[in-house]
Amino acid sequence: MFAVRAPVLVLGSNPVHLGEDALVEPPDATLGDIEALLEAKPRAALITSGGEAGFFRASLCLERGVLRVVLRRGAFEDAWERELSARAATFGAELFVHDDARGYGRVKPGARFSVGAPDATTWTRNASGLVIDAAWEEIAQNAVPLAMDPDIEGLPSNLEEVAFVNGDKPVLYLVVPTHDVNALRSKYSTAMLVCHETPLYVESATGRRVYEVASRETNSHVFISNDAALAQRAARLWDEGSSRNAVAIGELMGYPPCCVAAFVALGERGNNAALTYVTAARSRALGATFHAYLNSAVRHVIPCTPCSFGCSKAIRFAGRVLEALESSVSSALCKALGRPVLYFDEARAIAFEGARVDAKGIEYEEARFLPASAPLDPDEELRARRLFGALLAGPGKFVMKDDVFEVHAGGTVRRIARTNPKLGVLLPFPVEEIAQPALKHRLRTDTQSER
């Protein structure tokens, strides 16, 4: 018997002619269309588009095991090519550029950076990228602060524990104040707990964990499993280097393999705010939907960064968590998740109530400031809430442009100019409330189809 030769995959909007049959991305492809083509295990991929559309297609191919990826010469800046080459090296693949005049050339890895995120070198604790002049300072001082989004009664503080109880996580990993460890031992008395104490603090804007001996906060990294060997292995891998062992740790944590691969591809993984920007850019570039279950700006229903906001595996993971909650709690959480969000960073994000999203902006009834796991200091947070209270006093229509934010309300237009690092990304999660019975039925269907 003769083995069937694996095909070449062509992704992107520019036409090419190959001397052999190839799998070709259809017009207006969605992420599902691209993933279906990748299931054929192509031996090589040719990326014909530039920009974020081409970049994230190339990265997706590398993450899914394509060993040779070819870019159109000149489609990307050198820095983008070298970032993709670094990703190729991570997955044991090769990256080439090609044109008809000069043929093929291999790309060497270069300095790492996050395509789709603001420049991390200008991203500081208090920077917003908004131009707040004297007039806006005066307006903000007298403005009613933007209302805080209320808590959901009965919602567990850590939904990762729900996933662990569901059996979706072989190992539960928590970072808690050291004085809370005994409570965890009592809670999980039949499981193995492995603890590592460390001084650290969390940057409010980025969510980055900073390990410093001088930190006044002493926390414990806790690994919990019903299998003692798994808890011990997870702790050992973390000690040896969480970045170096990200794939193995991700498997132990029960994360979807596609999400783990997308995370491993990144050069900078500690800036949680940057991860949100990158996931949004990747979702748009690959034609993925923004599914409300994955609205991590409101609440982390899944305990990892999804590879896109439309990842089917992450959606099913989140759905099982939501199904395990009390019906009234799950319904309230789904309603909270089903709102578009203007996201700046881990300390500043705004959800729109009564919203309708279209190509021109968001019509809304009310804007609310979202609570942060690592908030700004009280004075800075109040200043931010007053500023956004002045800008977003509703009802109105929010319009986001490259150089300005606009709010059209009551026949007037309020504007704040934007400058570097131009923080702010619109996450157009759909406005929806998912009834619990329908959720359970769909989850049963999904589970049966997976089997």
Protein backbone atom coordinates (compact mmCIF):
# COMPACT_ATOMS: atom_id res chain seq x y z
CA MET A 1 0.00 0.00 0.00
CA PHE A 2 1.08 3.55 -0.73
CA ALA A 3 0.82 6.14 2.01
CA VAL A 4 -1.29 9.17 1.15
CA ARG A 5 0.88 12.25 1.11
CA ALA A 6 -0.25 14.96 3.54
CA PRO A 7 -1.57 18.07 1.80
CA VAL A 8 -0.32 21.65 1.83
CA LEU A 9 -2.62 24.16 3.51
CA VAL A 10 -3.12 27.67 2.11
CA LEU A 11 -4.51 30.23 4.57
CA GLY A 12 -5.21 33.88 3.86
CA SER A 13 -7.07 36.17 1.51
CA ASN A 14 -4.49 36.47 -1.30
CA PRO A 15 -4.71 33.91 -4.13
CA VAL A 16 -1.73 31.71 -4.94
CA HIS A 17 -1.09 28.97 -7.48
CA LEU A 18 0.70 25.81 -6.41
CA GLY A 19 1.88 22.98 -8.60
CA GLU A 20 -0.22 20.51 -6.59
CA ASP A 21 -3.60 20.19 -4.99
CA ALA A 22 -3.89 22.05 -1.71
CA LEU A 23 -6.39 22.71 1.03
CA VAL A 24 -7.50 26.32 0.65
CA GLU A 25 -9.23 28.55 3.19
CA PRO A 26 -12.72 29.44 1.95
CA PRO A 27 -13.88 33.09 1.69
CA ASP A 28 -15.15 34.61 4.96
CA ALA A 29 -13.80 31.65 6.91
CA THR A 30 -14.49 31.26 10.59
CA LEU A 31 -12.19 29.74 13.16
CA GLY A 32 -14.16 26.51 12.83
CA ASP A 33 -13.45 26.42 9.09
CA ILE A 34 -9.72 26.85 9.66
CA GLU A 35 -9.62 24.22 12.40
CA ALA A 36 -11.42 21.76 10.11
CA LEU A 37 -8.66 22.21 7.51
CA LEU A 38 -5.96 21.68 10.13
CA GLU A 39 -7.50 18.34 11.08
CA ALA A 40 -6.07 17.01 7.78
CA LYS A 41 -2.58 17.30 9.36
CA PRO A 42 -0.98 19.30 6.51
CA ARG A 43 2.74 18.84 5.99
CA ALA A 44 3.18 22.58 5.37
CA ALA A 45 1.17 25.78 5.47
CA LEU A 46 1.41 28.82 3.22
CA ILE A 47 0.15 32.06 4.79
CA THR A 48 -0.85 34.59 2.13
CA SER A 49 -2.19 37.41 4.34
CA GLY A 50 -0.26 39.95 6.36
CA GLY A 51 -1.23 41.83 9.51
CA GLU A 52 -2.89 40.19 12.49
CA ALA A 53 -5.01 38.01 10.18
CA GLY A 54 -1.90 36.36 8.76
CA PHE A 55 0.10 36.39 11.99
CA PHE A 56 -2.44 34.48 14.03
CA ARG A 57 -3.07 32.01 11.20
CA ALA A 58 0.64 31.24 11.12
CA SER A 59 0.77 30.89 14.90
CA LEU A 60 -2.27 28.61 14.91
CA CYS A 61 -0.61 26.33 12.36
CA LEU A 62 2.53 26.09 14.51
CA GLU A 63 0.49 25.38 17.63
CA ARG A 64 -1.38 22.58 15.84
CA GLY A 65 1.79 20.78 14.76
CA VAL A 66 2.43 22.03 11.21
CA LEU A 67 6.21 21.66 10.90
CA ARG A 68 6.83 24.06 8.01
CA VAL A 69 5.10 27.43 7.70
CA VAL A 70 5.81 29.76 4.80
CA LEU A 71 5.04 33.50 4.76
CA ARG A 72 4.81 35.80 1.76
CA ARG A 73 8.05 37.76 1.72
CA GLY A 74 7.36 41.34 2.75
CA ALA A 75 3.92 40.65 4.20
CA PHE A 76 5.16 41.29 7.75
CA GLU A 77 7.58 43.59 9.51
CA ASP A 78 10.87 41.92 10.41
CA ALA A 79 9.95 41.95 14.11
CA TRP A 80 6.73 40.03 13.43
CA GLU A 81 8.56 37.47 11.31
CA ARG A 82 11.13 36.93 14.06
CA GLU A 83 8.42 36.56 16.68
CA LEU A 84 6.79 33.87 14.55
CA SER A 85 10.18 32.20 14.09
CA ALA A 86 10.62 32.12 17.87
CA ARG A 87 7.21 30.46 18.11
CA ALA A 88 8.23 27.95 15.45
CA ALA A 89 11.32 27.04 17.50
CA THR A 90 9.10 26.52 20.54
CA PHE A 91 7.16 23.85 18.66
CA GLY A 92 10.11 22.29 16.82
CA ALA A 93 8.98 23.72 13.48
CA GLU A 94 10.56 25.88 10.78
CA LEU A 95 9.51 29.27 9.40
CA PHE A 96 10.30 30.47 5.88
CA VAL A 97 9.57 33.48 3.69
CA HIS A 98 9.10 33.14 -0.06
CA ASP A 99 8.67 35.11 -3.25
CA ASP A 100 9.04 34.06 -6.88
CA ALA A 101 12.11 36.22 -7.45
CA ARG A 102 14.27 35.06 -4.54
CA GLY A 103 12.71 31.75 -3.58
CA TYR A 104 12.77 30.51 0.00
CA GLY A 105 14.60 31.98 2.99
CA ARG A 106 14.68 30.76 6.57
CA VAL A 107 13.72 33.25 9.29
CA LYS A 108 15.81 33.48 12.46
CA PRO A 109 14.15 34.03 15.87
CA GLY A 110 14.33 37.50 17.39
CA ALA A 111 13.22 39.56 20.37
CA ARG A 112 9.86 38.47 21.76
CA PHE A 113 6.81 40.70 21.97
CA SER A 114 3.01 40.35 22.11
CA VAL A 115 1.25 41.00 18.81
CA GLY A 116 -2.19 42.46 19.53
CA ALA A 117 -1.30 44.04 22.90
CA PRO A 118 -0.17 47.57 23.78
CA ASP A 119 3.53 48.22 24.13
CA ALA A 120 4.43 46.69 27.49
CA THR A 121 7.36 49.10 27.99
CA THR A 122 4.93 52.02 28.35
CA TRP A 123 2.34 50.09 30.32
CA THR A 124 2.63 51.34 33.89
CA ARG A 125 0.45 51.07 36.97
CA ASN A 126 -1.29 54.42 36.47
CA ALA A 127 -1.12 54.87 32.69
CA SER A 128 -4.41 54.73 30.81
CA GLY A 129 -3.43 56.16 27.45
CA LEU A 130 -6.15 58.81 27.83
CA VAL A 131 -5.35 62.52 27.53
CA ILE A 132 -6.74 64.02 30.72
CA ASP A 133 -6.31 67.79 30.42
CA ALA A 134 -7.22 70.44 33.00
CA ALA A 135 -10.79 70.69 31.71
CA TRP A 136 -11.38 66.96 32.08
CA GLU A 137 -9.74 66.95 35.53
CA GLU A 138 -12.21 69.61 36.66
CA ILE A 139 -15.17 67.75 35.16
CA ALA A 140 -14.09 64.49 36.78
CA GLN A 141 -13.66 66.07 40.22
CA ASN A 142 -17.35 67.01 40.27
CA ALA A 143 -18.69 63.89 38.52
CA VAL A 144 -20.72 61.12 40.07
CA PRO A 145 -18.43 58.05 40.19
CA LEU A 146 -19.33 55.22 37.87
CA ALA A 147 -21.35 52.67 39.84
CA MET A 148 -19.55 49.48 40.86
CA ASP A 149 -20.92 46.28 39.38
CA PRO A 150 -22.68 44.42 42.24
CA ASP A 151 -21.64 41.02 43.56
CA ILE A 152 -23.71 37.96 42.70
CA GLU A 153 -25.18 36.49 45.86
CA GLY A 154 -24.08 32.91 46.46
CA LEU A 155 -21.37 32.89 43.77
CA PRO A 156 -18.24 31.00 44.92
CA SER A 157 -15.14 33.17 45.22
CA ASN A 158 -13.09 30.74 43.12
CA LEU A 159 -14.82 28.91 40.28
CA GLU A 160 -11.68 26.83 39.70
CA GLU A 161 -12.68 24.85 42.77
CA VAL A 162 -16.02 24.07 41.12
CA ALA A 163 -14.17 22.66 38.08
CA PHE A 164 -12.04 20.52 40.43
CA VAL A 165 -15.08 19.10 42.21
CA ASN A 166 -16.63 18.43 38.78
CA GLY A 167 -13.63 16.23 37.95
CA ASP A 168 -12.42 18.47 35.10
CA LYS A 169 -9.14 19.26 36.88
CA PRO A 170 -6.82 16.43 37.99
CA VAL A 171 -4.96 19.05 40.05
CA LEU A 172 -6.33 22.20 41.64
CA TYR A 173 -3.81 25.04 41.84
CA LEU A 174 -4.50 27.99 44.14
CA VAL A 175 -2.44 30.92 45.37
CA VAL A 176 -3.74 31.98 48.78
CA PRO A 177 -2.50 33.94 51.79
CA THR A 178 -0.48 31.54 53.92
CA HIS A 179 -2.85 31.94 56.86
CA ASP A 180 -5.66 30.43 54.70
CA VAL A 181 -3.87 27.13 54.04
CA ASN A 182 -5.25 25.39 57.13
CA ALA A 183 -8.78 26.17 56.00
CA LEU A 184 -7.99 24.51 52.66
CA ARG A 185 -6.62 21.45 54.45
CA SER A 186 -9.92 21.12 56.30
CA LYS A 187 -11.97 21.71 53.17
CA TYR A 188 -10.08 19.06 51.17
CA SER A 189 -9.30 16.70 54.04
CA THR A 190 -9.29 13.58 51.85
CA ALA A 191 -7.01 15.04 49.18
CA MET A 192 -3.26 15.59 48.99
CA LEU A 193 -2.11 19.19 49.48
CA VAL A 194 1.40 20.31 48.55
CA CYS A 195 2.26 23.87 49.62
CA HIS A 196 5.09 26.23 48.72
CA GLU A 197 5.30 29.50 50.63
CA THR A 198 6.62 32.56 48.81
CA PRO A 199 6.61 36.36 49.19
CA LEU A 200 4.86 38.05 46.29
CA TYR A 201 2.55 40.84 45.31
CA VAL A 202 0.29 41.30 42.28
CA GLU A 203 0.58 44.38 40.08
CA SER A 204 -2.82 46.02 39.88
CA ALA A 205 -2.73 47.09 36.23
CA THR A 206 -1.17 43.99 34.68
CA GLY A 207 -2.05 41.22 37.13
CA ARG A 208 1.61 40.16 36.92
CA ARG A 209 2.89 38.25 39.94
CA VAL A 210 6.08 39.77 41.26
CA TYR A 211 8.19 37.57 43.53
CA GLU A 212 10.19 39.75 45.90
CA VAL A 213 11.70 38.99 49.26
CA ALA A 214 10.82 42.53 50.33
CA SER A 215 7.09 41.96 49.68
CA ARG A 216 4.94 42.25 52.78
CA GLU A 217 2.52 39.65 51.40
CA THR A 218 3.36 36.00 52.04
CA ASN A 219 1.33 33.58 49.96
CA SER A 220 1.30 29.85 49.43
CA HIS A 221 1.14 28.04 46.12
CA VAL A 222 -1.13 25.09 46.86
CA PHE A 223 -1.49 22.00 44.67
CA ILE A 224 -4.45 19.78 45.53
CA SER A 225 -5.37 16.41 44.03
CA ASN A 226 -7.21 13.25 44.92
CA ASP A 227 -4.13 11.49 43.52
CA ALA A 228 -1.13 12.27 45.72
CA ALA A 229 1.33 11.58 42.90
CA LEU A 230 -0.31 14.17 40.65
CA ALA A 231 -0.20 16.90 43.31
CA GLN A 232 3.46 16.16 43.99
CA ARG A 233 4.30 16.11 40.28
CA ALA A 234 2.55 19.43 39.65
CA ALA A 235 4.44 21.03 42.53
CA ARG A 236 7.75 19.63 41.26
CA LEU A 237 7.14 20.89 37.73
CA TRP A 238 6.25 24.32 39.08
CA ASP A 239 9.47 24.36 41.15
CA GLU A 240 11.51 23.41 38.08
CA GLY A 241 9.97 26.24 36.04
CA SER A 242 6.32 26.88 35.29
CA SER A 243 7.13 28.39 31.89
CA ARG A 244 9.45 25.56 30.84
CA ASN A 245 6.89 22.97 31.95
CA ALA A 246 3.76 24.81 30.82
CA VAL A 247 2.46 21.97 28.63
CA ALA A 248 2.76 19.30 31.33
CA ILE A 249 1.33 21.62 33.99
CA GLY A 250 -1.55 22.59 31.72
CA GLU A 251 -2.42 18.91 31.24
CA LEU A 252 -2.40 18.34 35.01
CA MET A 253 -4.65 21.37 35.49
CA GLY A 254 -7.14 20.04 32.95
CA TYR A 255 -6.80 22.97 30.55
CA PRO A 256 -7.85 22.43 26.90
CA PRO A 257 -4.74 21.46 24.88
CA CYS A 258 -5.44 24.14 22.25
CA CYS A 259 -5.49 26.82 24.96
CA VAL A 260 -2.27 25.49 26.47
CA ALA A 261 -0.54 25.57 23.07
CA ALA A 262 -1.65 29.16 22.42
CA PHE A 263 -0.31 30.14 25.85
CA VAL A 264 2.99 28.33 25.30
CA ALA A 265 3.43 30.19 21.99
CA LEU A 266 3.60 33.53 23.78
CA GLY A 267 6.86 35.17 24.70
CA GLU A 268 5.39 37.10 27.67
CA ARG A 269 2.89 35.14 29.75
CA GLY A 270 2.84 36.96 33.08
CA ASN A 271 0.93 40.08 32.03
CA ASN A 272 -2.69 39.00 32.43
CA ALA A 273 -3.97 42.24 30.96
CA ALA A 274 -1.89 41.74 27.81
CA LEU A 275 -3.33 38.23 27.49
CA THR A 276 -6.83 39.71 27.24
CA TYR A 277 -5.76 42.05 24.43
CA VAL A 278 -4.00 39.24 22.57
CA THR A 279 -6.97 36.88 22.91
CA ALA A 280 -9.30 39.59 21.59
CA ALA A 281 -7.00 40.35 18.63
CA ARG A 282 -6.59 36.64 17.87
CA SER A 283 -10.36 36.04 18.08
CA ARG A 284 -11.08 38.80 15.58
CA ALA A 285 -8.24 37.80 13.28
CA LEU A 286 -9.37 34.17 13.10
CA GLY A 287 -13.09 34.86 12.79
CA ALA A 288 -13.96 33.48 16.23
CA THR A 289 -17.10 34.45 18.09
CA PHE A 290 -17.07 36.17 21.47
CA HIS A 291 -18.95 33.68 23.67
CA ALA A 292 -20.38 35.03 26.91
CA TYR A 293 -19.14 32.02 28.94
CA LEU A 294 -15.56 33.21 28.29
CA ASN A 295 -16.05 36.83 29.36
CA SER A 296 -13.06 36.82 31.70
CA ALA A 297 -13.24 40.59 32.16
CA VAL A 298 -16.37 40.00 34.25
CA ARG A 299 -15.48 36.64 35.77
CA HIS A 300 -13.01 33.81 35.13
CA VAL A 301 -15.36 30.86 34.67
CA ILE A 302 -12.48 28.81 33.24
CA PRO A 303 -9.15 28.86 35.10
CA CYS A 304 -6.94 29.55 32.08
CA THR A 305 -6.60 31.96 29.17
CA PRO A 306 -8.66 30.59 26.25
CA CYS A 307 -6.97 30.35 22.87
CA SER A 308 -9.87 32.46 21.57
CA PHE A 309 -13.07 33.82 23.01
CA GLY A 310 -14.87 31.31 20.79
CA CYS A 311 -12.89 28.17 21.70
CA SER A 312 -15.39 25.29 21.70
CA LYS A 313 -13.43 23.25 24.27
CA ALA A 314 -13.17 26.20 26.66
CA ILE A 315 -16.89 26.93 26.21
CA ARG A 316 -17.78 23.35 27.16
CA PHE A 317 -15.44 23.55 30.18
CA ALA A 318 -17.13 26.76 31.32
CA GLY A 319 -20.57 25.31 30.66
CA ARG A 320 -19.92 22.42 33.04
CA VAL A 321 -18.92 24.91 35.75
CA LEU A 322 -22.08 26.94 35.20
CA GLU A 323 -24.25 23.81 35.26
CA ALA A 324 -22.79 22.83 38.65
CA LEU A 325 -23.89 26.08 40.28
CA GLU A 326 -27.24 26.67 41.88
CA SER A 327 -29.77 27.54 39.19
CA SER A 328 -30.37 31.09 40.44
CA VAL A 329 -26.63 31.76 40.76
CA SER A 330 -25.87 30.36 37.31
CA SER A 331 -28.66 32.43 35.75
CA ALA A 332 -27.38 35.62 37.40
CA LEU A 333 -23.80 34.88 36.36
CA CYS A 334 -24.81 34.19 32.74
CA LYS A 335 -26.64 37.52 32.68
CA ALA A 336 -23.56 39.30 34.06
CA LEU A 337 -21.27 37.60 31.53
CA GLY A 338 -23.54 38.52 28.62
CA ARG A 339 -22.47 42.15 28.41
CA PRO A 340 -19.98 43.97 26.20
CA VAL A 341 -16.96 45.31 28.06
CA LEU A 342 -14.55 48.19 27.56
CA TYR A 343 -11.35 46.69 28.98
CA PHE A 344 -8.30 48.74 29.91
CA ASP A 345 -6.38 46.46 32.26
CA GLU A 346 -6.82 44.23 35.29
CA ALA A 347 -7.78 47.20 37.48
CA ARG A 348 -10.00 49.13 35.03
CA ALA A 349 -12.81 47.56 33.02
CA ILE A 350 -16.36 48.72 32.32
CA ALA A 351 -19.45 46.65 31.49
CA PHE A 352 -22.41 48.09 29.58
CA GLU A 353 -25.94 47.35 30.80
CA GLY A 354 -28.88 47.25 28.40
CA ALA A 355 -26.44 47.32 25.52
CA ARG A 356 -26.77 46.85 21.79
CA VAL A 357 -23.59 46.45 19.76
CA ASP A 358 -23.34 47.38 16.10
CA ALA A 359 -20.54 48.26 13.67
CA LYS A 360 -20.54 51.90 14.81
CA GLY A 361 -20.45 51.44 18.58
CA ILE A 362 -22.44 50.43 21.66
CA GLU A 363 -25.79 51.85 22.65
CA TYR A 364 -26.23 51.39 26.38
CA GLU A 365 -28.46 52.31 29.28
CA GLU A 366 -25.83 52.29 32.03
CA ALA A 367 -22.10 51.69 32.42
CA ARG A 368 -20.63 49.95 35.49
CA PHE A 369 -17.09 49.72 36.83
CA LEU A 370 -16.05 46.10 37.28
CA PRO A 371 -14.45 44.99 40.58
CA ALA A 372 -10.80 43.97 40.25
CA SER A 373 -9.00 41.09 41.92
CA ALA A 374 -6.01 43.43 42.40
CA PRO A 375 -7.52 46.93 42.39
CA LEU A 376 -5.83 50.31 42.29
CA ASP A 377 -5.32 52.15 45.54
CA PRO A 378 -8.64 53.68 46.74
CA ASP A 379 -7.84 57.25 45.66
CA GLU A 380 -6.75 56.22 42.16
CA GLU A 381 -9.75 53.94 41.75
CA LEU A 382 -12.14 56.71 42.80
CA ARG A 383 -10.45 59.08 40.33
CA ALA A 384 -10.93 56.52 37.54
CA ARG A 385 -14.57 55.97 38.46
CA ARG A 386 -15.22 59.73 38.47
CA LEU A 387 -13.53 60.17 35.10
CA PHE A 388 -15.51 57.35 33.49
CA GLY A 389 -18.63 58.49 35.31
CA ALA A 390 -18.28 61.86 33.57
CA LEU A 391 -17.60 60.29 30.18
CA LEU A 392 -20.11 57.44 30.23
CA ALA A 393 -23.08 58.95 32.09
CA GLY A 394 -25.93 57.21 30.31
CA PRO A 395 -27.94 56.32 28.47
CA GLY A 396 -25.81 57.01 25.42
CA LYS A 397 -23.82 55.57 22.56
CA PHE A 398 -20.13 54.79 23.01
CA VAL A 399 -17.90 55.03 19.95
CA MET A 400 -14.29 53.86 20.07
CA LYS A 401 -11.87 55.33 17.54
CA ASP A 402 -8.12 55.00 17.26
CA ASP A 403 -7.45 58.51 18.56
CA VAL A 404 -10.52 59.27 20.68
CA PHE A 405 -13.37 57.87 22.78
CA GLU A 406 -16.75 59.46 22.07
CA VAL A 407 -20.07 59.27 23.88
CA HIS A 408 -23.17 60.56 22.12
CA ALA A 409 -25.88 61.35 24.66
CA GLY A 410 -28.72 63.86 24.85
CA GLY A 411 -27.74 65.65 21.67
CA THR A 412 -24.16 66.26 22.85
CA VAL A 413 -20.84 64.53 22.24
CA ARG A 414 -18.29 63.97 25.01
CA ARG A 415 -14.74 63.16 23.91
CA ILE A 416 -11.47 62.03 25.50
CA ALA A 417 -8.38 61.79 23.30
CA ARG A 418 -6.20 58.67 23.28
CA THR A 419 -2.43 58.42 23.12
CA ASN A 420 0.21 55.76 23.79
CA PRO A 421 -0.05 53.11 25.06
CA LYS A 422 -3.66 53.47 23.81
CA LEU A 423 -5.15 51.16 26.37
CA GLY A 424 -8.71 50.11 25.81
CA VAL A 425 -10.14 47.22 23.82
CA LEU A 426 -13.80 46.57 23.15
CA LEU A 427 -14.87 43.01 23.98
CA PRO A 428 -18.22 42.59 22.19
CA PHE A 429 -19.62 39.75 24.25
CA PRO A 430 -23.26 39.23 23.30
CA VAL A 431 -26.14 40.40 25.43
CA GLU A 432 -27.88 37.20 26.50
CA GLU A 433 -29.18 35.29 29.48
CA ILE A 434 -29.00 31.51 29.11
CA ALA A 435 -31.78 29.60 30.81
CA GLN A 436 -30.52 26.74 32.94
CA PRO A 437 -32.70 23.94 31.44
CA ALA A 438 -31.51 24.79 27.92
CA LEU A 439 -27.94 24.87 29.18
CA LYS A 440 -28.22 21.38 30.67
CA HIS A 441 -29.75 19.97 27.51
CA ARG A 442 -27.00 21.41 25.32
CA LEU A 443 -24.29 20.17 27.64
CA ARG A 444 -25.68 16.64 27.52
CA THR A 445 -25.71 16.84 23.73
CA ASP A 446 -22.12 18.11 23.60
CA THR A 447 -20.92 15.39 25.95
CA GLN A 448 -22.59 12.67 23.92
CA SER A 449 -21.09 14.03 20.68
CA GLU A 450 -17.60 14.04 22.24
CA ARG A 451 -17.96 10.38 23.09
